[in-house]
Amino acid sequence: MKLHHIGIVVKDIRESLGELTEFFEFKETTVPMEVKSQKVNVCFLKTSDVYIELIEPVEDDSPVKKFSESGGGFHHLCFEVE
């Protein structure tokens, strides 16, 4: 198995991007995109071998809304499998 990405819940993707890019260099970033089924926006930041996925709730009934309000943080690991 290979680690594909680390999911991190944030209150605001754009604000978090600004903070992260002050301290880290990323090989590439994606523009925030909506995942309607989860009621979130996501953005991927590529490090050397692994992506970081920023997850921002966009509706009050988003599954990660309460987590973001309590400060957010590490949410999940995603592995590549055959």
Protein backbone atom coordinates (compact mmCIF):
# COMPACT_ATOMS: atom_id res chain seq x y z
CA MET A 1 0.00 0.00 0.00
CA LYS A 2 1.11 3.54 -0.70
CA LEU A 3 -0.13 6.61 1.15
CA HIS A 4 -1.96 8.86 -1.31
CA HIS A 5 -3.13 11.73 0.88
CA ILE A 6 -3.71 13.06 4.38
CA GLY A 7 -7.10 14.70 4.95
CA ILE A 8 -7.23 17.76 7.19
CA VAL A 9 -10.43 19.59 8.13
CA VAL A 10 -10.14 23.39 8.12
CA LYS A 11 -12.61 26.23 8.64
CA ASP A 12 -11.52 28.10 5.52
CA ILE A 13 -9.44 26.65 2.66
CA ARG A 14 -8.18 29.97 1.32
CA GLU A 15 -7.05 31.15 4.75
CA SER A 16 -5.35 27.81 5.42
CA LEU A 17 -3.64 27.88 2.02
CA GLY A 18 -2.21 31.29 2.81
CA GLU A 19 -0.84 30.08 6.14
CA LEU A 20 0.58 26.80 4.79
CA THR A 21 2.31 28.35 1.78
CA GLU A 22 4.14 30.75 4.09
CA PHE A 23 5.94 27.80 5.67
CA PHE A 24 5.94 25.04 3.03
CA GLU A 25 6.57 24.73 -0.69
CA PHE A 26 4.20 22.53 -2.64
CA LYS A 27 4.89 21.05 -6.05
CA GLU A 28 1.31 21.78 -7.11
CA THR A 29 -2.04 22.79 -5.70
CA THR A 30 -5.54 22.38 -7.05
CA VAL A 31 -8.22 25.03 -6.94
CA PRO A 32 -10.86 24.35 -4.30
CA MET A 33 -13.57 22.09 -5.70
CA GLU A 34 -16.97 21.20 -4.33
CA VAL A 35 -17.91 17.67 -3.30
CA LYS A 36 -21.69 18.05 -3.17
CA SER A 37 -22.38 14.65 -1.64
CA GLN A 38 -20.27 15.55 1.42
CA LYS A 39 -21.19 19.26 1.48
CA VAL A 40 -17.53 20.27 1.48
CA ASN A 41 -14.94 21.99 -0.65
CA VAL A 42 -11.58 20.24 -1.02
CA CYS A 43 -8.16 21.32 -2.22
CA PHE A 44 -5.12 19.11 -2.80
CA LEU A 45 -1.54 20.21 -2.11
CA LYS A 46 1.24 18.00 -3.49
CA THR A 47 4.34 17.43 -1.40
CA SER A 48 7.17 15.26 -2.65
CA ASP A 49 5.26 11.95 -2.58
CA VAL A 50 1.99 12.58 -0.77
CA TYR A 51 -0.92 14.97 -1.15
CA ILE A 52 -2.47 16.97 1.66
CA GLU A 53 -6.24 17.37 1.26
CA LEU A 54 -7.79 20.42 2.89
CA ILE A 55 -11.49 19.87 3.65
CA GLU A 56 -13.80 22.83 4.30
CA PRO A 57 -17.48 22.42 5.22
CA VAL A 58 -19.81 24.54 3.08
CA GLU A 59 -23.16 23.81 4.72
CA ASP A 60 -24.32 23.62 8.32
CA ASP A 61 -25.24 19.94 7.93
CA SER A 62 -21.87 18.94 6.45
CA PRO A 63 -20.49 15.83 8.16
CA VAL A 64 -17.35 17.78 9.19
CA LYS A 65 -18.99 21.05 10.28
CA LYS A 66 -18.81 20.41 14.03
CA PHE A 67 -15.24 19.16 13.73
CA SER A 68 -14.20 22.36 11.93
CA GLU A 69 -15.90 24.50 14.58
CA SER A 70 -13.89 22.77 17.31
CA GLY A 71 -10.65 23.62 15.49
CA GLY A 72 -10.53 20.89 12.84
CA GLY A 73 -7.32 19.03 12.17
CA PHE A 74 -6.32 15.55 11.07
CA HIS A 75 -9.30 13.69 9.58
CA HIS A 76 -8.13 10.67 7.57
CA LEU A 77 -5.44 8.84 5.64
CA CYS A 78 -6.10 7.56 2.12
CA PHE A 79 -4.05 4.69 0.67
CA GLU A 80 -3.67 3.58 -2.93
CA VAL A 81 -4.69 -0.04 -3.47
CA GLU A 82 -4.99 -2.29 -6.50
